[in-house]
Amino acid sequence: GDTLKGKIPIHTLGGLVLFGQVSCSPFVLGLCAENRVTVSWLTV
């Protein structure tokens, strides 16, 4: 919703795995691409 649950520095991540109805801004996808962080989408 409008509540910030946390922030993760991109340089500490090797991948994002998103289950079900999880949305991403195009800017965060660009940030992941620039830092070679693989994003995977799975069903719930």
PDB file of all heavy atoms in Angstrom:
ATOM      1  N   GLY A   1       0.849  -1.183   0.000  1.00  0.00           N
ATOM      2  CA  GLY A   1       0.000   0.000   0.000  1.00  0.00           C
ATOM      3  C   GLY A   1       0.886   1.234   0.000  1.00  0.00           C
ATOM      4  O   GLY A   1       1.813   1.349  -0.803  1.00  0.00           O
ATOM      5  N   ASP A   2       0.628   2.133   0.927  1.00  0.00           N
ATOM      6  CA  ASP A   2       1.458   3.340   1.047  1.00  0.00           C
ATOM      7  C   ASP A   2       2.550   3.189   2.101  1.00  0.00           C
ATOM      8  O   ASP A   2       3.282   4.146   2.377  1.00  0.00           O
ATOM      9  CB  ASP A   2       0.575   4.549   1.409  1.00  0.00           C
ATOM     10  CG  ASP A   2      -0.424   4.889   0.313  1.00  0.00           C
ATOM     11  OD1 ASP A   2      -0.068   4.677  -0.867  1.00  0.00           O
ATOM     12  OD2 ASP A   2      -1.548   5.339   0.631  1.00  0.00           O
ATOM     13  N   THR A   3       2.648   2.014   2.695  1.00  0.00           N
ATOM     14  CA  THR A   3       3.592   1.798   3.790  1.00  0.00           C
ATOM     15  C   THR A   3       4.915   1.244   3.267  1.00  0.00           C
ATOM     16  O   THR A   3       4.946   0.227   2.570  1.00  0.00           O
ATOM     17  CB  THR A   3       3.007   0.815   4.821  1.00  0.00           C
ATOM     18  OG1 THR A   3       1.746   1.298   5.284  1.00  0.00           O
ATOM     19  CG2 THR A   3       3.955   0.657   6.002  1.00  0.00           C
ATOM     20  N   LEU A   4       6.004   1.941   3.597  1.00  0.00           N
ATOM     21  CA  LEU A   4       7.332   1.466   3.236  1.00  0.00           C
ATOM     22  C   LEU A   4       7.755   0.386   4.220  1.00  0.00           C
ATOM     23  O   LEU A   4       7.853   0.626   5.420  1.00  0.00           O
ATOM     24  CB  LEU A   4       8.330   2.629   3.262  1.00  0.00           C
ATOM     25  CG  LEU A   4       9.803   2.266   3.016  1.00  0.00           C
ATOM     26  CD1 LEU A   4      10.001   1.725   1.612  1.00  0.00           C
ATOM     27  CD2 LEU A   4      10.695   3.487   3.268  1.00  0.00           C
ATOM     28  N   LYS A   5       8.027  -0.828   3.695  1.00  0.00           N
ATOM     29  CA  LYS A   5       8.401  -1.936   4.553  1.00  0.00           C
ATOM     30  C   LYS A   5       9.910  -2.100   4.696  1.00  0.00           C
ATOM     31  O   LYS A   5      10.387  -2.736   5.633  1.00  0.00           O
ATOM     32  CB  LYS A   5       7.796  -3.234   4.022  1.00  0.00           C
ATOM     33  CG  LYS A   5       6.284  -3.303   4.154  1.00  0.00           C
ATOM     34  CD  LYS A   5       5.879  -3.313   5.617  1.00  0.00           C
ATOM     35  CE  LYS A   5       4.389  -3.488   5.812  1.00  0.00           C
ATOM     36  NZ  LYS A   5       4.012  -3.523   7.244  1.00  0.00           N
ATOM     37  N   GLY A   6      10.666  -1.548   3.751  1.00  0.00           N
ATOM     38  CA  GLY A   6      12.113  -1.674   3.856  1.00  0.00           C
ATOM     39  C   GLY A   6      12.809  -1.266   2.572  1.00  0.00           C
ATOM     40  O   GLY A   6      12.177  -1.100   1.521  1.00  0.00           O
ATOM     41  N   LYS A   7      14.124  -1.076   2.681  1.00  0.00           N
ATOM     42  CA  LYS A   7      14.955  -0.748   1.529  1.00  0.00           C
ATOM     43  C   LYS A   7      16.158  -1.688   1.516  1.00  0.00           C
ATOM     44  O   LYS A   7      16.771  -1.928   2.552  1.00  0.00           O
ATOM     45  CB  LYS A   7      15.448   0.706   1.600  1.00  0.00           C
ATOM     46  CG  LYS A   7      14.359   1.753   1.540  1.00  0.00           C
ATOM     47  CD  LYS A   7      14.978   3.154   1.610  1.00  0.00           C
ATOM     48  CE  LYS A   7      13.919   4.239   1.634  1.00  0.00           C
ATOM     49  NZ  LYS A   7      14.533   5.598   1.729  1.00  0.00           N
ATOM     50  N   ILE A   8      16.479  -2.206   0.331  1.00  0.00           N
ATOM     51  CA  ILE A   8      17.602  -3.120   0.170  1.00  0.00           C
ATOM     52  C   ILE A   8      18.579  -2.515  -0.827  1.00  0.00           C
ATOM     53  O   ILE A   8      18.208  -2.260  -1.985  1.00  0.00           O
ATOM     54  CB  ILE A   8      17.143  -4.503  -0.347  1.00  0.00           C
ATOM     55  CG1 ILE A   8      15.969  -5.036   0.470  1.00  0.00           C
ATOM     56  CG2 ILE A   8      18.316  -5.476  -0.358  1.00  0.00           C
ATOM     57  CD1 ILE A   8      16.296  -5.352   1.895  1.00  0.00           C
ATOM     58  N   PRO A   9      19.825  -2.250  -0.442  1.00  0.00           N
ATOM     59  CA  PRO A   9      20.815  -1.727  -1.402  1.00  0.00           C
ATOM     60  C   PRO A   9      20.996  -2.696  -2.565  1.00  0.00           C
ATOM     61  O   PRO A   9      21.146  -3.904  -2.357  1.00  0.00           O
ATOM     62  CB  PRO A   9      22.096  -1.601  -0.565  1.00  0.00           C
ATOM     63  CG  PRO A   9      21.622  -1.510   0.855  1.00  0.00           C
ATOM     64  CD  PRO A   9      20.396  -2.365   0.928  1.00  0.00           C
ATOM     65  N   ILE A  10      20.993  -2.183  -3.775  1.00  0.00           N
ATOM     66  CA  ILE A  10      21.060  -3.031  -4.957  1.00  0.00           C
ATOM     67  C   ILE A  10      22.366  -3.807  -5.028  1.00  0.00           C
ATOM     68  O   ILE A  10      22.386  -4.943  -5.534  1.00  0.00           O
ATOM     69  CB  ILE A  10      20.851  -2.185  -6.240  1.00  0.00           C
ATOM     70  CG1 ILE A  10      20.586  -3.089  -7.446  1.00  0.00           C
ATOM     71  CG2 ILE A  10      22.028  -1.274  -6.479  1.00  0.00           C
ATOM     72  CD1 ILE A  10      19.291  -3.833  -7.397  1.00  0.00           C
ATOM     73  N   HIS A  11      23.454  -3.253  -4.488  1.00  0.00           N
ATOM     74  CA  HIS A  11      24.745  -3.943  -4.607  1.00  0.00           C
ATOM     75  C   HIS A  11      24.831  -5.194  -3.734  1.00  0.00           C
ATOM     76  O   HIS A  11      25.763  -5.986  -3.873  1.00  0.00           O
ATOM     77  CB  HIS A  11      25.893  -2.987  -4.262  1.00  0.00           C
ATOM     78  CG  HIS A  11      25.971  -2.626  -2.813  1.00  0.00           C
ATOM     79  ND1 HIS A  11      25.302  -1.529  -2.282  1.00  0.00           N
ATOM     80  CD2 HIS A  11      26.619  -3.201  -1.775  1.00  0.00           C
ATOM     81  CE1 HIS A  11      25.550  -1.462  -0.987  1.00  0.00           C
ATOM     82  NE2 HIS A  11      26.350  -2.462  -0.651  1.00  0.00           N
ATOM     83  N   THR A  12      23.845  -5.392  -2.835  1.00  0.00           N
ATOM     84  CA  THR A  12      23.845  -6.592  -1.995  1.00  0.00           C
ATOM     85  C   THR A  12      23.002  -7.711  -2.588  1.00  0.00           C
ATOM     86  O   THR A  12      22.948  -8.802  -2.022  1.00  0.00           O
ATOM     87  CB  THR A  12      23.301  -6.274  -0.592  1.00  0.00           C
ATOM     88  OG1 THR A  12      21.905  -5.927  -0.681  1.00  0.00           O
ATOM     89  CG2 THR A  12      24.069  -5.124   0.044  1.00  0.00           C
ATOM     90  N   LEU A  13      22.356  -7.450  -3.729  1.00  0.00           N
ATOM     91  CA  LEU A  13      21.418  -8.413  -4.297  1.00  0.00           C
ATOM     92  C   LEU A  13      21.992  -9.121  -5.516  1.00  0.00           C
ATOM     93  O   LEU A  13      22.653  -8.509  -6.352  1.00  0.00           O
ATOM     94  CB  LEU A  13      20.111  -7.716  -4.704  1.00  0.00           C
ATOM     95  CG  LEU A  13      19.250  -7.151  -3.570  1.00  0.00           C
ATOM     96  CD1 LEU A  13      18.042  -6.431  -4.142  1.00  0.00           C
ATOM     97  CD2 LEU A  13      18.814  -8.262  -2.619  1.00  0.00           C
ATOM     98  N   GLY A  14      21.697 -10.397  -5.595  1.00  0.00           N
ATOM     99  CA  GLY A  14      22.041 -11.164  -6.782  1.00  0.00           C
ATOM    100  C   GLY A  14      20.816 -11.536  -7.585  1.00  0.00           C
ATOM    101  O   GLY A  14      20.914 -11.929  -8.742  1.00  0.00           O
ATOM    102  N   GLY A  15      19.628 -11.418  -6.964  1.00  0.00           N
ATOM    103  CA  GLY A  15      18.399 -11.766  -7.674  1.00  0.00           C
ATOM    104  C   GLY A  15      17.168 -11.336  -6.907  1.00  0.00           C
ATOM    105  O   GLY A  15      17.199 -11.147  -5.682  1.00  0.00           O
ATOM    106  N   LEU A  16      16.066 -11.151  -7.639  1.00  0.00           N
ATOM    107  CA  LEU A  16      14.741 -10.887  -7.079  1.00  0.00           C
ATOM    108  C   LEU A  16      13.816 -12.006  -7.547  1.00  0.00           C
ATOM    109  O   LEU A  16      13.803 -12.348  -8.740  1.00  0.00           O
ATOM    110  CB  LEU A  16      14.181  -9.551  -7.564  1.00  0.00           C
ATOM    111  CG  LEU A  16      14.774  -8.250  -7.029  1.00  0.00           C
ATOM    112  CD1 LEU A  16      14.140  -7.065  -7.750  1.00  0.00           C
ATOM    113  CD2 LEU A  16      14.533  -8.136  -5.546  1.00  0.00           C
ATOM    114  N   VAL A  17      13.041 -12.572  -6.635  1.00  0.00           N
ATOM    115  CA  VAL A  17      12.060 -13.587  -6.985  1.00  0.00           C
ATOM    116  C   VAL A  17      10.703 -13.108  -6.475  1.00  0.00           C
ATOM    117  O   VAL A  17      10.525 -12.917  -5.270  1.00  0.00           O
ATOM    118  CB  VAL A  17      12.422 -14.958  -6.378  1.00  0.00           C
ATOM    119  CG1 VAL A  17      11.398 -16.002  -6.796  1.00  0.00           C
ATOM    120  CG2 VAL A  17      13.809 -15.398  -6.827  1.00  0.00           C
ATOM    121  N   LEU A  18       9.764 -12.920  -7.397  1.00  0.00           N
ATOM    122  CA  LEU A  18       8.476 -12.304  -7.070  1.00  0.00           C
ATOM    123  C   LEU A  18       7.357 -13.326  -7.248  1.00  0.00           C
ATOM    124  O   LEU A  18       7.197 -13.902  -8.319  1.00  0.00           O
ATOM    125  CB  LEU A  18       8.230 -11.095  -7.971  1.00  0.00           C
ATOM    126  CG  LEU A  18       9.411 -10.129  -8.140  1.00  0.00           C
ATOM    127  CD1 LEU A  18       9.048  -8.998  -9.084  1.00  0.00           C
ATOM    128  CD2 LEU A  18       9.875  -9.591  -6.786  1.00  0.00           C
ATOM    129  N   PHE A  19       6.588 -13.550  -6.192  1.00  0.00           N
ATOM    130  CA  PHE A  19       5.510 -14.529  -6.212  1.00  0.00           C
ATOM    131  C   PHE A  19       4.164 -13.836  -6.376  1.00  0.00           C
ATOM    132  O   PHE A  19       3.797 -12.972  -5.572  1.00  0.00           O
ATOM    133  CB  PHE A  19       5.486 -15.326  -4.898  1.00  0.00           C
ATOM    134  CG  PHE A  19       6.643 -16.270  -4.723  1.00  0.00           C
ATOM    135  CD1 PHE A  19       7.875 -15.812  -4.275  1.00  0.00           C
ATOM    136  CD2 PHE A  19       6.494 -17.618  -4.996  1.00  0.00           C
ATOM    137  CE1 PHE A  19       8.935 -16.682  -4.100  1.00  0.00           C
ATOM    138  CE2 PHE A  19       7.551 -18.499  -4.828  1.00  0.00           C
ATOM    139  CZ  PHE A  19       8.766 -18.033  -4.387  1.00  0.00           C
ATOM    140  N   GLY A  20       3.417 -14.222  -7.401  1.00  0.00           N
ATOM    141  CA  GLY A  20       2.049 -13.754  -7.540  1.00  0.00           C
ATOM    142  C   GLY A  20       1.921 -12.288  -7.882  1.00  0.00           C
ATOM    143  O   GLY A  20       2.644 -11.759  -8.740  1.00  0.00           O
ATOM    144  N   GLN A  21       1.011 -11.604  -7.207  1.00  0.00           N
ATOM    145  CA  GLN A  21       0.674 -10.224  -7.524  1.00  0.00           C
ATOM    146  C   GLN A  21       1.648  -9.263  -6.839  1.00  0.00           C
ATOM    147  O   GLN A  21       1.335  -8.618  -5.842  1.00  0.00           O
ATOM    148  CB  GLN A  21      -0.757  -9.922  -7.104  1.00  0.00           C
ATOM    149  CG  GLN A  21      -1.798 -10.780  -7.823  1.00  0.00           C
ATOM    150  CD  GLN A  21      -3.207 -10.450  -7.381  1.00  0.00           C
ATOM    151  OE1 GLN A  21      -3.533  -9.310  -7.061  1.00  0.00           O
ATOM    152  NE2 GLN A  21      -4.063 -11.456  -7.355  1.00  0.00           N
ATOM    153  N   VAL A  22       2.839  -9.181  -7.393  1.00  0.00           N
ATOM    154  CA  VAL A  22       3.867  -8.253  -6.922  1.00  0.00           C
ATOM    155  C   VAL A  22       4.250  -7.381  -8.102  1.00  0.00           C
ATOM    156  O   VAL A  22       4.602  -7.882  -9.167  1.00  0.00           O
ATOM    157  CB  VAL A  22       5.100  -8.999  -6.387  1.00  0.00           C
ATOM    158  CG1 VAL A  22       6.174  -7.999  -5.942  1.00  0.00           C
ATOM    159  CG2 VAL A  22       4.715  -9.917  -5.233  1.00  0.00           C
ATOM    160  N   SER A  23       4.161  -6.063  -7.931  1.00  0.00           N
ATOM    161  CA  SER A  23       4.413  -5.123  -9.022  1.00  0.00           C
ATOM    162  C   SER A  23       5.767  -4.449  -8.864  1.00  0.00           C
ATOM    163  O   SER A  23       6.285  -4.314  -7.740  1.00  0.00           O
ATOM    164  CB  SER A  23       3.314  -4.052  -9.077  1.00  0.00           C
ATOM    165  OG  SER A  23       2.038  -4.651  -9.190  1.00  0.00           O
ATOM    166  N   CYS A  24       6.336  -4.022  -9.991  1.00  0.00           N
ATOM    167  CA  CYS A  24       7.616  -3.325 -10.001  1.00  0.00           C
ATOM    168  C   CYS A  24       7.502  -2.080 -10.868  1.00  0.00           C
ATOM    169  O   CYS A  24       6.867  -2.117 -11.933  1.00  0.00           O
ATOM    170  CB  CYS A  24       8.732  -4.200 -10.586  1.00  0.00           C
ATOM    171  SG  CYS A  24       9.034  -5.736  -9.726  1.00  0.00           S
ATOM    172  N   SER A  25       8.147  -1.003 -10.451  1.00  0.00           N
ATOM    173  CA  SER A  25       8.222   0.168 -11.323  1.00  0.00           C
ATOM    174  C   SER A  25       9.237  -0.102 -12.430  1.00  0.00           C
ATOM    175  O   SER A  25      10.173  -0.887 -12.249  1.00  0.00           O
ATOM    176  CB  SER A  25       8.643   1.391 -10.517  1.00  0.00           C
ATOM    177  OG  SER A  25      10.032   1.332 -10.207  1.00  0.00           O
ATOM    178  N   PRO A  26       9.081   0.547 -13.592  1.00  0.00           N
ATOM    179  CA  PRO A  26      10.086   0.369 -14.655  1.00  0.00           C
ATOM    180  C   PRO A  26      11.467   0.834 -14.225  1.00  0.00           C
ATOM    181  O   PRO A  26      12.482   0.342 -14.719  1.00  0.00           O
ATOM    182  CB  PRO A  26       9.532   1.208 -15.808  1.00  0.00           C
ATOM    183  CG  PRO A  26       8.542   2.138 -15.196  1.00  0.00           C
ATOM    184  CD  PRO A  26       7.991   1.436 -14.013  1.00  0.00           C
ATOM    185  N   PHE A  27      11.510   1.762 -13.280  1.00  0.00           N
ATOM    186  CA  PHE A  27      12.800   2.285 -12.838  1.00  0.00           C
ATOM    187  C   PHE A  27      13.565   1.260 -11.996  1.00  0.00           C
ATOM    188  O   PHE A  27      14.795   1.160 -12.091  1.00  0.00           O
ATOM    189  CB  PHE A  27      12.592   3.577 -12.036  1.00  0.00           C
ATOM    190  CG  PHE A  27      11.880   4.630 -12.816  1.00  0.00           C
ATOM    191  CD1 PHE A  27      10.538   4.900 -12.587  1.00  0.00           C
ATOM    192  CD2 PHE A  27      12.530   5.336 -13.822  1.00  0.00           C
ATOM    193  CE1 PHE A  27       9.864   5.860 -13.318  1.00  0.00           C
ATOM    194  CE2 PHE A  27      11.869   6.300 -14.564  1.00  0.00           C
ATOM    195  CZ  PHE A  27      10.529   6.554 -14.312  1.00  0.00           C
ATOM    196  N   VAL A  28      12.843   0.474 -11.177  1.00  0.00           N
ATOM    197  CA  VAL A  28      13.530  -0.538 -10.394  1.00  0.00           C
ATOM    198  C   VAL A  28      13.990  -1.685 -11.298  1.00  0.00           C
ATOM    199  O   VAL A  28      15.054  -2.283 -11.069  1.00  0.00           O
ATOM    200  CB  VAL A  28      12.645  -1.044  -9.234  1.00  0.00           C
ATOM    201  CG1 VAL A  28      11.629  -2.080  -9.699  1.00  0.00           C
ATOM    202  CG2 VAL A  28      13.500  -1.652  -8.126  1.00  0.00           C
ATOM    203  N   LEU A  29      13.237  -1.980 -12.353  1.00  0.00           N
ATOM    204  CA  LEU A  29      13.679  -2.996 -13.308  1.00  0.00           C
ATOM    205  C   LEU A  29      14.931  -2.524 -14.040  1.00  0.00           C
ATOM    206  O   LEU A  29      15.848  -3.314 -14.292  1.00  0.00           O
ATOM    207  CB  LEU A  29      12.560  -3.307 -14.302  1.00  0.00           C
ATOM    208  CG  LEU A  29      11.328  -4.021 -13.727  1.00  0.00           C
ATOM    209  CD1 LEU A  29      10.283  -4.228 -14.819  1.00  0.00           C
ATOM    210  CD2 LEU A  29      11.702  -5.347 -13.094  1.00  0.00           C
ATOM    211  N   GLY A  30      14.976  -1.225 -14.371  1.00  0.00           N
ATOM    212  CA  GLY A  30      16.179  -0.682 -14.993  1.00  0.00           C
ATOM    213  C   GLY A  30      17.377  -0.750 -14.066  1.00  0.00           C
ATOM    214  O   GLY A  30      18.491  -1.069 -14.490  1.00  0.00           O
ATOM    215  N   LEU A  31      17.154  -0.466 -12.776  1.00  0.00           N
ATOM    216  CA  LEU A  31      18.226  -0.543 -11.787  1.00  0.00           C
ATOM    217  C   LEU A  31      18.754  -1.980 -11.682  1.00  0.00           C
ATOM    218  O   LEU A  31      19.978  -2.190 -11.618  1.00  0.00           O
ATOM    219  CB  LEU A  31      17.697  -0.076 -10.423  1.00  0.00           C
ATOM    220  CG  LEU A  31      18.686  -0.090  -9.247  1.00  0.00           C
ATOM    221  CD1 LEU A  31      19.790   0.938  -9.471  1.00  0.00           C
ATOM    222  CD2 LEU A  31      17.958   0.177  -7.927  1.00  0.00           C
ATOM    223  N   CYS A  32      17.842  -2.955 -11.699  1.00  0.00           N
ATOM    224  CA  CYS A  32      18.260  -4.361 -11.640  1.00  0.00           C
ATOM    225  C   CYS A  32      19.051  -4.746 -12.885  1.00  0.00           C
ATOM    226  O   CYS A  32      20.077  -5.439 -12.792  1.00  0.00           O
ATOM    227  CB  CYS A  32      17.034  -5.264 -11.492  1.00  0.00           C
ATOM    228  SG  CYS A  32      16.221  -5.154  -9.884  1.00  0.00           S
ATOM    229  N   ALA A  33      18.597  -4.295 -14.049  1.00  0.00           N
ATOM    230  CA  ALA A  33      19.295  -4.623 -15.288  1.00  0.00           C
ATOM    231  C   ALA A  33      20.704  -4.040 -15.300  1.00  0.00           C
ATOM    232  O   ALA A  33      21.666  -4.708 -15.694  1.00  0.00           O
ATOM    233  CB  ALA A  33      18.499  -4.115 -16.488  1.00  0.00           C
ATOM    234  N   GLU A  34      20.839  -2.805 -14.847  1.00  0.00           N
ATOM    235  CA  GLU A  34      22.156  -2.151 -14.824  1.00  0.00           C
ATOM    236  C   GLU A  34      23.125  -2.870 -13.897  1.00  0.00           C
ATOM    237  O   GLU A  34      24.336  -2.893 -14.142  1.00  0.00           O
ATOM    238  CB  GLU A  34      22.004  -0.702 -14.367  1.00  0.00           C
ATOM    239  CG  GLU A  34      21.313   0.200 -15.382  1.00  0.00           C
ATOM    240  CD  GLU A  34      21.003   1.569 -14.801  1.00  0.00           C
ATOM    241  OE1 GLU A  34      21.414   1.820 -13.630  1.00  0.00           O
ATOM    242  OE2 GLU A  34      20.354   2.378 -15.477  1.00  0.00           O
ATOM    243  N   ASN A  35      22.599  -3.454 -12.827  1.00  0.00           N
ATOM    244  CA  ASN A  35      23.451  -4.108 -11.833  1.00  0.00           C
ATOM    245  C   ASN A  35      23.459  -5.631 -11.967  1.00  0.00           C
ATOM    246  O   ASN A  35      23.910  -6.322 -11.067  1.00  0.00           O
ATOM    247  CB  ASN A  35      22.986  -3.712 -10.429  1.00  0.00           C
ATOM    248  CG  ASN A  35      23.300  -2.272 -10.097  1.00  0.00           C
ATOM    249  OD1 ASN A  35      24.383  -1.956  -9.612  1.00  0.00           O
ATOM    250  ND2 ASN A  35      22.346  -1.378 -10.374  1.00  0.00           N
ATOM    251  N   ARG A  36      22.959  -6.122 -13.102  1.00  0.00           N
ATOM    252  CA  ARG A  36      22.947  -7.559 -13.399  1.00  0.00           C
ATOM    253  C   ARG A  36      22.255  -8.364 -12.312  1.00  0.00           C
ATOM    254  O   ARG A  36      22.724  -9.435 -11.896  1.00  0.00           O
ATOM    255  CB  ARG A  36      24.365  -8.074 -13.627  1.00  0.00           C
ATOM    256  CG  ARG A  36      25.097  -7.345 -14.749  1.00  0.00           C
ATOM    257  CD  ARG A  36      26.414  -8.019 -15.080  1.00  0.00           C
ATOM    258  NE  ARG A  36      27.161  -7.249 -16.057  1.00  0.00           N
ATOM    259  CZ  ARG A  36      26.941  -7.246 -17.369  1.00  0.00           C
ATOM    260  NH1 ARG A  36      25.958  -7.984 -17.856  1.00  0.00           N
ATOM    261  NH2 ARG A  36      27.662  -6.524 -18.193  1.00  0.00           N
ATOM    262  N   VAL A  37      21.145  -7.850 -11.827  1.00  0.00           N
ATOM    263  CA  VAL A  37      20.320  -8.556 -10.848  1.00  0.00           C
ATOM    264  C   VAL A  37      19.172  -9.215 -11.603  1.00  0.00           C
ATOM    265  O   VAL A  37      18.339  -8.527 -12.198  1.00  0.00           O
ATOM    266  CB  VAL A  37      19.773  -7.599  -9.770  1.00  0.00           C
ATOM    267  CG1 VAL A  37      18.821  -8.330  -8.831  1.00  0.00           C
ATOM    268  CG2 VAL A  37      20.925  -6.976  -8.984  1.00  0.00           C
ATOM    269  N   THR A  38      19.129 -10.526 -11.608  1.00  0.00           N
ATOM    270  CA  THR A  38      18.078 -11.254 -12.319  1.00  0.00           C
ATOM    271  C   THR A  38      16.765 -11.152 -11.554  1.00  0.00           C
ATOM    272  O   THR A  38      16.719 -11.329 -10.337  1.00  0.00           O
ATOM    273  CB  THR A  38      18.462 -12.734 -12.480  1.00  0.00           C
ATOM    274  OG1 THR A  38      19.669 -12.818 -13.232  1.00  0.00           O
ATOM    275  CG2 THR A  38      17.365 -13.511 -13.193  1.00  0.00           C
ATOM    276  N   VAL A  39      15.687 -10.848 -12.284  1.00  0.00           N
ATOM    277  CA  VAL A  39      14.344 -10.781 -11.699  1.00  0.00           C
ATOM    278  C   VAL A  39      13.531 -11.939 -12.271  1.00  0.00           C
ATOM    279  O   VAL A  39      13.461 -12.116 -13.490  1.00  0.00           O
ATOM    280  CB  VAL A  39      13.650  -9.447 -12.027  1.00  0.00           C
ATOM    281  CG1 VAL A  39      12.280  -9.371 -11.341  1.00  0.00           C
ATOM    282  CG2 VAL A  39      14.519  -8.264 -11.590  1.00  0.00           C
ATOM    283  N   SER A  40      12.932 -12.737 -11.396  1.00  0.00           N
ATOM    284  CA  SER A  40      12.101 -13.864 -11.829  1.00  0.00           C
ATOM    285  C   SER A  40      10.691 -13.692 -11.287  1.00  0.00           C
ATOM    286  O   SER A  40      10.509 -13.304 -10.124  1.00  0.00           O
ATOM    287  CB  SER A  40      12.681 -15.196 -11.340  1.00  0.00           C
ATOM    288  OG  SER A  40      13.927 -15.457 -11.952  1.00  0.00           O
ATOM    289  N   TRP A  41       9.714 -13.982 -12.122  1.00  0.00           N
ATOM    290  CA  TRP A  41       8.309 -13.933 -11.743  1.00  0.00           C
ATOM    291  C   TRP A  41       7.762 -15.352 -11.655  1.00  0.00           C
ATOM    292  O   TRP A  41       7.917 -16.148 -12.587  1.00  0.00           O
ATOM    293  CB  TRP A  41       7.494 -13.144 -12.767  1.00  0.00           C
ATOM    294  CG  TRP A  41       7.708 -11.670 -12.718  1.00  0.00           C
ATOM    295  CD1 TRP A  41       7.001 -10.746 -12.006  1.00  0.00           C
ATOM    296  CD2 TRP A  41       8.711 -10.919 -13.426  1.00  0.00           C
ATOM    297  NE1 TRP A  41       7.503  -9.480 -12.219  1.00  0.00           N
ATOM    298  CE2 TRP A  41       8.547  -9.553 -13.087  1.00  0.00           C
ATOM    299  CE3 TRP A  41       9.728 -11.266 -14.320  1.00  0.00           C
ATOM    300  CZ2 TRP A  41       9.365  -8.559 -13.602  1.00  0.00           C
ATOM    301  CZ3 TRP A  41      10.544 -10.282 -14.829  1.00  0.00           C
ATOM    302  CH2 TRP A  41      10.355  -8.937 -14.478  1.00  0.00           C
ATOM    303  N   LEU A  42       7.133 -15.662 -10.510  1.00  0.00           N
ATOM    304  CA  LEU A  42       6.529 -16.969 -10.287  1.00  0.00           C
ATOM    305  C   LEU A  42       5.059 -16.783  -9.961  1.00  0.00           C
ATOM    306  O   LEU A  42       4.647 -15.690  -9.524  1.00  0.00           O
ATOM    307  CB  LEU A  42       7.213 -17.701  -9.130  1.00  0.00           C
ATOM    308  CG  LEU A  42       8.566 -18.397  -9.379  1.00  0.00           C
ATOM    309  CD1 LEU A  42       9.649 -17.389  -9.768  1.00  0.00           C
ATOM    310  CD2 LEU A  42       9.017 -19.146  -8.142  1.00  0.00           C
ATOM    311  N   THR A  43       4.261 -17.817 -10.164  1.00  0.00           N
ATOM    312  CA  THR A  43       2.884 -17.760  -9.694  1.00  0.00           C
ATOM    313  C   THR A  43       2.897 -17.758  -8.171  1.00  0.00           C
ATOM    314  O   THR A  43       3.917 -18.024  -7.539  1.00  0.00           O
ATOM    315  CB  THR A  43       2.062 -18.958 -10.191  1.00  0.00           C
ATOM    316  OG1 THR A  43       2.563 -20.147  -9.563  1.00  0.00           O
ATOM    317  CG2 THR A  43       2.151 -19.107 -11.708  1.00  0.00           C
ATOM    318  N   VAL A  44       1.749 -17.502  -7.588  1.00  0.00           N
ATOM    319  CA  VAL A  44       1.671 -17.457  -6.131  1.00  0.00           C
ATOM    320  C   VAL A  44       2.041 -18.807  -5.521  1.00  0.00           C
ATOM    321  O   VAL A  44       2.511 -18.880  -4.378  1.00  0.00           O
ATOM    322  CB  VAL A  44       0.259 -17.021  -5.687  1.00  0.00           C
ATOM    323  CG1 VAL A  44      -0.777 -18.083  -6.023  1.00  0.00           C
ATOM    324  CG2 VAL A  44       0.231 -16.679  -4.194  1.00  0.00           C
TER     325      VAL A  44
END
